[in-house]
Amino acid sequence: MKKLFNITLLLLAAAFILSCRNGDDDIPEDIHEHDEIGRVVLTLTNKANATDVQTVNVIGGVADSHLHLHQGDTYIAALDFQIKHNDHYDSSDEIIEEKDHHFITFSPADADIKVIRAADDIVRTDGQRLGMKTEWTISSVTSTGKMNIKLIHAPTSVNQNYPSASNQLGQTVGGESDVDITVETH
């Protein structure tokens, strides 16, 4: 009888331990969803001609087109990062909600593109602009030009005025890339 009591007690203890491990109530919610951003939409609107709009969709790192940039023009660039959920893309407002955990950097290659973070861009609590809305002024671009855009998650520090206040490509220390895309410019 004592042996049956000990076995029953052992089984009840095991059931209790397993039921506690499977419960979600005690597990803190992870603020940063680890879903991968599956689509980035880059929209450029010519500041002098609002009908000159270009949109590039980058899905899985592959752009569906390239940008036609004209020397001397300024474009308003808007970025939309999207996360795939249940077979459809859902706007990633999470980045804006977690603005202090994100920062966007730009790096042109074979193109002289000055980037200024727009006055109506999202502002982090440290006063740095996130980079979701920028203005690009084109000084020159070659047939092999490119613009690399990175969304950095959890940088330890950011500098929107890198390399200068008149060219805000942005720089980070630490963090990891949630997005690292390159769009061709012609």
C-alpha atoms as a PDB file:
ATOM      1  CA  MET A   1       0.000   0.000   0.000  1.00  0.00           C
ATOM      2  CA  LYS A   2       2.838   2.367   0.886  1.00  0.00           C
ATOM      3  CA  LYS A   3       4.484   1.592  -2.463  1.00  0.00           C
ATOM      4  CA  LEU A   4       1.222   2.421  -4.336  1.00  0.00           C
ATOM      5  CA  PHE A   5       0.935   5.698  -2.374  1.00  0.00           C
ATOM      6  CA  ASN A   6       4.533   6.671  -3.276  1.00  0.00           C
ATOM      7  CA  ILE A   7       3.957   5.902  -6.981  1.00  0.00           C
ATOM      8  CA  THR A   8       0.716   7.933  -6.986  1.00  0.00           C
ATOM      9  CA  LEU A   9       2.473  10.817  -5.256  1.00  0.00           C
ATOM     10  CA  LEU A  10       5.332  10.656  -7.768  1.00  0.00           C
ATOM     11  CA  LEU A  11       2.908  10.663 -10.730  1.00  0.00           C
ATOM     12  CA  LEU A  12       0.989  13.642  -9.316  1.00  0.00           C
ATOM     13  CA  ALA A  13       4.240  15.575  -8.781  1.00  0.00           C
ATOM     14  CA  ALA A  14       5.342  14.826 -12.358  1.00  0.00           C
ATOM     15  CA  ALA A  15       1.959  15.920 -13.745  1.00  0.00           C
ATOM     16  CA  PHE A  16       2.139  19.146 -11.718  1.00  0.00           C
ATOM     17  CA  ILE A  17       5.670  19.930 -12.941  1.00  0.00           C
ATOM     18  CA  LEU A  18       4.772  19.251 -16.584  1.00  0.00           C
ATOM     19  CA  SER A  19       1.595  21.330 -16.410  1.00  0.00           C
ATOM     20  CA  CYS A  20       3.591  24.282 -15.039  1.00  0.00           C
ATOM     21  CA  ARG A  21       6.159  24.016 -17.826  1.00  0.00           C
ATOM     22  CA  ASN A  22       3.496  24.106 -20.554  1.00  0.00           C
ATOM     23  CA  GLY A  23       1.601  27.112 -19.195  1.00  0.00           C
ATOM     24  CA  ASP A  24       2.170  30.449 -20.932  1.00  0.00           C
ATOM     25  CA  ASP A  25       0.985  32.651 -18.055  1.00  0.00           C
ATOM     26  CA  ASP A  26       4.380  32.897 -16.377  1.00  0.00           C
ATOM     27  CA  ILE A  27       6.428  33.403 -19.524  1.00  0.00           C
ATOM     28  CA  PRO A  28       7.054  37.103 -20.215  1.00  0.00           C
ATOM     29  CA  GLU A  29       5.964  38.340 -23.602  1.00  0.00           C
ATOM     30  CA  ASP A  30       8.826  38.925 -26.029  1.00  0.00           C
ATOM     31  CA  ILE A  31       8.440  42.510 -27.223  1.00  0.00           C
ATOM     32  CA  HIS A  32      10.472  42.005 -30.401  1.00  0.00           C
ATOM     33  CA  GLU A  33       8.797  39.429 -32.563  1.00  0.00           C
ATOM     34  CA  HIS A  34      11.414  37.341 -34.261  1.00  0.00           C
ATOM     35  CA  ASP A  35       9.435  37.050 -37.465  1.00  0.00           C
ATOM     36  CA  GLU A  36      11.594  37.936 -40.399  1.00  0.00           C
ATOM     37  CA  ILE A  37      10.741  40.970 -42.439  1.00  0.00           C
ATOM     38  CA  GLY A  38       9.854  39.395 -45.755  1.00  0.00           C
ATOM     39  CA  ARG A  39       9.132  42.473 -47.834  1.00  0.00           C
ATOM     40  CA  VAL A  40      10.454  46.022 -48.017  1.00  0.00           C
ATOM     41  CA  VAL A  41       8.658  48.597 -50.141  1.00  0.00           C
ATOM     42  CA  LEU A  42      10.718  51.648 -51.119  1.00  0.00           C
ATOM     43  CA  THR A  43       8.729  54.489 -52.670  1.00  0.00           C
ATOM     44  CA  LEU A  44      10.471  57.517 -54.184  1.00  0.00           C
ATOM     45  CA  THR A  45       8.516  60.614 -55.171  1.00  0.00           C
ATOM     46  CA  ASN A  46      10.235  63.377 -57.120  1.00  0.00           C
ATOM     47  CA  LYS A  47       9.944  66.498 -54.969  1.00  0.00           C
ATOM     48  CA  ALA A  48       9.549  68.759 -58.025  1.00  0.00           C
ATOM     49  CA  ASN A  49       7.096  66.462 -59.851  1.00  0.00           C
ATOM     50  CA  ALA A  50       4.657  64.526 -57.640  1.00  0.00           C
ATOM     51  CA  THR A  51       3.575  62.389 -60.609  1.00  0.00           C
ATOM     52  CA  ASP A  52       7.114  60.956 -60.865  1.00  0.00           C
ATOM     53  CA  VAL A  53       6.726  58.087 -58.380  1.00  0.00           C
ATOM     54  CA  GLN A  54       8.863  54.947 -58.327  1.00  0.00           C
ATOM     55  CA  THR A  55       8.207  51.892 -56.177  1.00  0.00           C
ATOM     56  CA  VAL A  56      10.579  49.002 -55.623  1.00  0.00           C
ATOM     57  CA  ASN A  57       9.459  45.864 -53.795  1.00  0.00           C
ATOM     58  CA  VAL A  58      12.233  43.817 -52.238  1.00  0.00           C
ATOM     59  CA  ILE A  59      10.998  40.350 -51.340  1.00  0.00           C
ATOM     60  CA  GLY A  60      13.441  37.870 -49.852  1.00  0.00           C
ATOM     61  CA  GLY A  61      16.324  40.198 -50.723  1.00  0.00           C
ATOM     62  CA  VAL A  62      15.423  40.434 -54.428  1.00  0.00           C
ATOM     63  CA  ALA A  63      14.245  43.764 -55.863  1.00  0.00           C
ATOM     64  CA  ASP A  64      11.542  43.663 -58.535  1.00  0.00           C
ATOM     65  CA  SER A  65      13.004  46.707 -60.334  1.00  0.00           C
ATOM     66  CA  HIS A  66      15.630  49.408 -60.026  1.00  0.00           C
ATOM     67  CA  LEU A  67      15.443  53.163 -59.431  1.00  0.00           C
ATOM     68  CA  HIS A  68      15.760  55.721 -62.235  1.00  0.00           C
ATOM     69  CA  LEU A  69      17.436  58.672 -60.545  1.00  0.00           C
ATOM     70  CA  HIS A  70      18.172  61.957 -62.305  1.00  0.00           C
ATOM     71  CA  GLN A  71      21.121  64.177 -61.492  1.00  0.00           C
ATOM     72  CA  GLY A  72      20.014  67.340 -59.679  1.00  0.00           C
ATOM     73  CA  ASP A  73      16.643  65.931 -58.568  1.00  0.00           C
ATOM     74  CA  THR A  74      15.506  65.454 -54.983  1.00  0.00           C
ATOM     75  CA  TYR A  75      13.251  62.550 -54.059  1.00  0.00           C
ATOM     76  CA  ILE A  76      11.158  61.871 -50.970  1.00  0.00           C
ATOM     77  CA  ALA A  77      11.909  58.274 -49.989  1.00  0.00           C
ATOM     78  CA  ALA A  78       9.507  56.289 -47.827  1.00  0.00           C
ATOM     79  CA  LEU A  79      10.227  52.814 -46.466  1.00  0.00           C
ATOM     80  CA  ASP A  80       7.611  50.259 -45.475  1.00  0.00           C
ATOM     81  CA  PHE A  81       8.857  47.100 -43.770  1.00  0.00           C
ATOM     82  CA  GLN A  82       6.404  44.217 -43.834  1.00  0.00           C
ATOM     83  CA  ILE A  83       6.235  40.951 -41.961  1.00  0.00           C
ATOM     84  CA  LYS A  84       4.564  37.908 -43.453  1.00  0.00           C
ATOM     85  CA  HIS A  85       1.742  36.516 -41.318  1.00  0.00           C
ATOM     86  CA  ASN A  86      -0.754  33.850 -42.375  1.00  0.00           C
ATOM     87  CA  ASP A  87       0.007  34.087 -46.100  1.00  0.00           C
ATOM     88  CA  HIS A  88      -0.361  37.878 -46.268  1.00  0.00           C
ATOM     89  CA  TYR A  89       1.863  40.816 -45.553  1.00  0.00           C
ATOM     90  CA  ASP A  90       1.022  42.862 -42.508  1.00  0.00           C
ATOM     91  CA  SER A  91       2.388  46.385 -42.106  1.00  0.00           C
ATOM     92  CA  SER A  92       5.225  46.406 -39.605  1.00  0.00           C
ATOM     93  CA  ASP A  93       4.016  49.201 -37.347  1.00  0.00           C
ATOM     94  CA  GLU A  94       5.983  47.323 -34.689  1.00  0.00           C
ATOM     95  CA  ILE A  95       9.131  49.145 -35.835  1.00  0.00           C
ATOM     96  CA  ILE A  96       7.511  52.498 -35.161  1.00  0.00           C
ATOM     97  CA  GLU A  97       6.165  51.304 -31.806  1.00  0.00           C
ATOM     98  CA  GLU A  98       9.667  50.095 -30.892  1.00  0.00           C
ATOM     99  CA  LYS A  99      11.442  53.079 -32.456  1.00  0.00           C
ATOM    100  CA  ASP A 100      14.075  53.206 -29.725  1.00  0.00           C
ATOM    101  CA  HIS A 101      15.139  49.649 -30.617  1.00  0.00           C
ATOM    102  CA  HIS A 102      15.609  50.361 -34.341  1.00  0.00           C
ATOM    103  CA  PHE A 103      17.613  52.609 -36.659  1.00  0.00           C
ATOM    104  CA  ILE A 104      18.018  52.768 -40.441  1.00  0.00           C
ATOM    105  CA  THR A 105      21.315  53.373 -42.242  1.00  0.00           C
ATOM    106  CA  PHE A 106      21.938  54.176 -45.903  1.00  0.00           C
ATOM    107  CA  SER A 107      25.042  53.501 -47.967  1.00  0.00           C
ATOM    108  CA  PRO A 108      25.208  54.553 -51.622  1.00  0.00           C
ATOM    109  CA  ALA A 109      27.795  52.964 -53.931  1.00  0.00           C
ATOM    110  CA  ASP A 110      28.827  54.363 -57.325  1.00  0.00           C
ATOM    111  CA  ALA A 111      26.342  57.180 -56.769  1.00  0.00           C
ATOM    112  CA  ASP A 112      26.603  60.545 -55.050  1.00  0.00           C
ATOM    113  CA  ILE A 113      23.342  60.616 -53.116  1.00  0.00           C
ATOM    114  CA  LYS A 114      22.892  62.918 -50.126  1.00  0.00           C
ATOM    115  CA  VAL A 115      20.348  61.676 -47.595  1.00  0.00           C
ATOM    116  CA  ILE A 116      18.508  63.949 -45.160  1.00  0.00           C
ATOM    117  CA  ARG A 117      16.092  62.515 -42.619  1.00  0.00           C
ATOM    118  CA  ALA A 118      12.740  64.218 -43.199  1.00  0.00           C
ATOM    119  CA  ALA A 119      11.282  66.627 -40.655  1.00  0.00           C
ATOM    120  CA  ASP A 120       8.172  64.406 -40.422  1.00  0.00           C
ATOM    121  CA  ASP A 121      10.201  61.199 -39.933  1.00  0.00           C
ATOM    122  CA  ILE A 122       9.731  59.185 -36.723  1.00  0.00           C
ATOM    123  CA  VAL A 123      11.830  60.645 -33.884  1.00  0.00           C
ATOM    124  CA  ARG A 124      13.326  58.323 -31.276  1.00  0.00           C
ATOM    125  CA  THR A 125      13.327  59.433 -27.632  1.00  0.00           C
ATOM    126  CA  ASP A 126      17.062  60.226 -27.954  1.00  0.00           C
ATOM    127  CA  GLY A 127      16.160  62.860 -30.586  1.00  0.00           C
ATOM    128  CA  GLN A 128      17.572  60.853 -33.517  1.00  0.00           C
ATOM    129  CA  ARG A 129      15.318  60.356 -36.545  1.00  0.00           C
ATOM    130  CA  LEU A 130      14.617  56.718 -37.400  1.00  0.00           C
ATOM    131  CA  GLY A 131      15.042  56.995 -41.198  1.00  0.00           C
ATOM    132  CA  MET A 132      11.722  55.657 -42.482  1.00  0.00           C
ATOM    133  CA  LYS A 133      11.167  58.916 -44.392  1.00  0.00           C
ATOM    134  CA  THR A 134      14.123  60.699 -46.004  1.00  0.00           C
ATOM    135  CA  GLU A 135      15.005  63.041 -48.853  1.00  0.00           C
ATOM    136  CA  TRP A 136      17.597  61.943 -51.408  1.00  0.00           C
ATOM    137  CA  THR A 137      19.374  64.597 -53.484  1.00  0.00           C
ATOM    138  CA  ILE A 138      21.147  63.147 -56.514  1.00  0.00           C
ATOM    139  CA  SER A 139      24.481  64.749 -57.402  1.00  0.00           C
ATOM    140  CA  SER A 140      25.522  61.923 -59.729  1.00  0.00           C
ATOM    141  CA  VAL A 141      24.713  58.307 -60.382  1.00  0.00           C
ATOM    142  CA  THR A 142      26.336  55.729 -62.658  1.00  0.00           C
ATOM    143  CA  SER A 143      24.776  52.820 -64.501  1.00  0.00           C
ATOM    144  CA  THR A 144      26.092  50.571 -61.729  1.00  0.00           C
ATOM    145  CA  GLY A 145      24.892  52.666 -58.782  1.00  0.00           C
ATOM    146  CA  LYS A 146      23.398  51.062 -55.714  1.00  0.00           C
ATOM    147  CA  MET A 147      21.805  52.058 -52.413  1.00  0.00           C
ATOM    148  CA  ASN A 148      22.210  49.724 -49.456  1.00  0.00           C
ATOM    149  CA  ILE A 149      19.608  50.093 -46.703  1.00  0.00           C
ATOM    150  CA  LYS A 150      19.888  48.421 -43.303  1.00  0.00           C
ATOM    151  CA  LEU A 151      17.368  48.253 -40.490  1.00  0.00           C
ATOM    152  CA  ILE A 152      19.398  47.706 -37.336  1.00  0.00           C
ATOM    153  CA  HIS A 153      17.742  46.167 -34.283  1.00  0.00           C
ATOM    154  CA  ALA A 154      18.971  46.997 -30.763  1.00  0.00           C
ATOM    155  CA  PRO A 155      21.955  49.228 -31.560  1.00  0.00           C
ATOM    156  CA  THR A 156      23.812  50.434 -28.465  1.00  0.00           C
ATOM    157  CA  SER A 157      24.207  53.899 -30.017  1.00  0.00           C
ATOM    158  CA  VAL A 158      23.110  55.701 -33.173  1.00  0.00           C
ATOM    159  CA  ASN A 159      24.218  58.818 -35.057  1.00  0.00           C
ATOM    160  CA  GLN A 160      21.828  60.253 -37.636  1.00  0.00           C
ATOM    161  CA  ASN A 161      24.385  62.932 -38.616  1.00  0.00           C
ATOM    162  CA  TYR A 162      26.977  60.502 -39.955  1.00  0.00           C
ATOM    163  CA  PRO A 163      28.967  61.488 -41.984  1.00  0.00           C
ATOM    164  CA  SER A 164      27.548  65.029 -41.526  1.00  0.00           C
ATOM    165  CA  ALA A 165      24.389  66.984 -40.734  1.00  0.00           C
ATOM    166  CA  SER A 166      24.026  67.670 -44.471  1.00  0.00           C
ATOM    167  CA  ASN A 167      24.332  63.969 -45.400  1.00  0.00           C
ATOM    168  CA  GLN A 168      22.587  61.808 -42.810  1.00  0.00           C
ATOM    169  CA  LEU A 169      23.418  58.289 -43.965  1.00  0.00           C
ATOM    170  CA  GLY A 170      23.448  57.209 -40.324  1.00  0.00           C
ATOM    171  CA  GLN A 171      25.755  55.050 -38.257  1.00  0.00           C
ATOM    172  CA  THR A 172      25.230  52.541 -35.472  1.00  0.00           C
ATOM    173  CA  VAL A 173      27.322  50.769 -32.865  1.00  0.00           C
ATOM    174  CA  GLY A 174      26.199  47.267 -31.967  1.00  0.00           C
ATOM    175  CA  GLY A 175      22.902  45.685 -32.832  1.00  0.00           C
ATOM    176  CA  GLU A 176      22.027  43.277 -35.608  1.00  0.00           C
ATOM    177  CA  SER A 177      20.538  43.708 -39.065  1.00  0.00           C
ATOM    178  CA  ASP A 178      16.847  42.918 -39.294  1.00  0.00           C
ATOM    179  CA  VAL A 179      17.027  44.008 -42.945  1.00  0.00           C
ATOM    180  CA  ASP A 180      19.998  44.407 -45.283  1.00  0.00           C
ATOM    181  CA  ILE A 181      18.902  45.181 -48.854  1.00  0.00           C
ATOM    182  CA  THR A 182      20.530  46.731 -51.899  1.00  0.00           C
ATOM    183  CA  VAL A 183      18.581  48.492 -54.640  1.00  0.00           C
ATOM    184  CA  GLU A 184      20.155  49.301 -58.009  1.00  0.00           C
ATOM    185  CA  THR A 185      20.047  52.906 -59.202  1.00  0.00           C
ATOM    186  CA  HIS A 186      20.395  54.100 -62.804  1.00  0.00           C
END
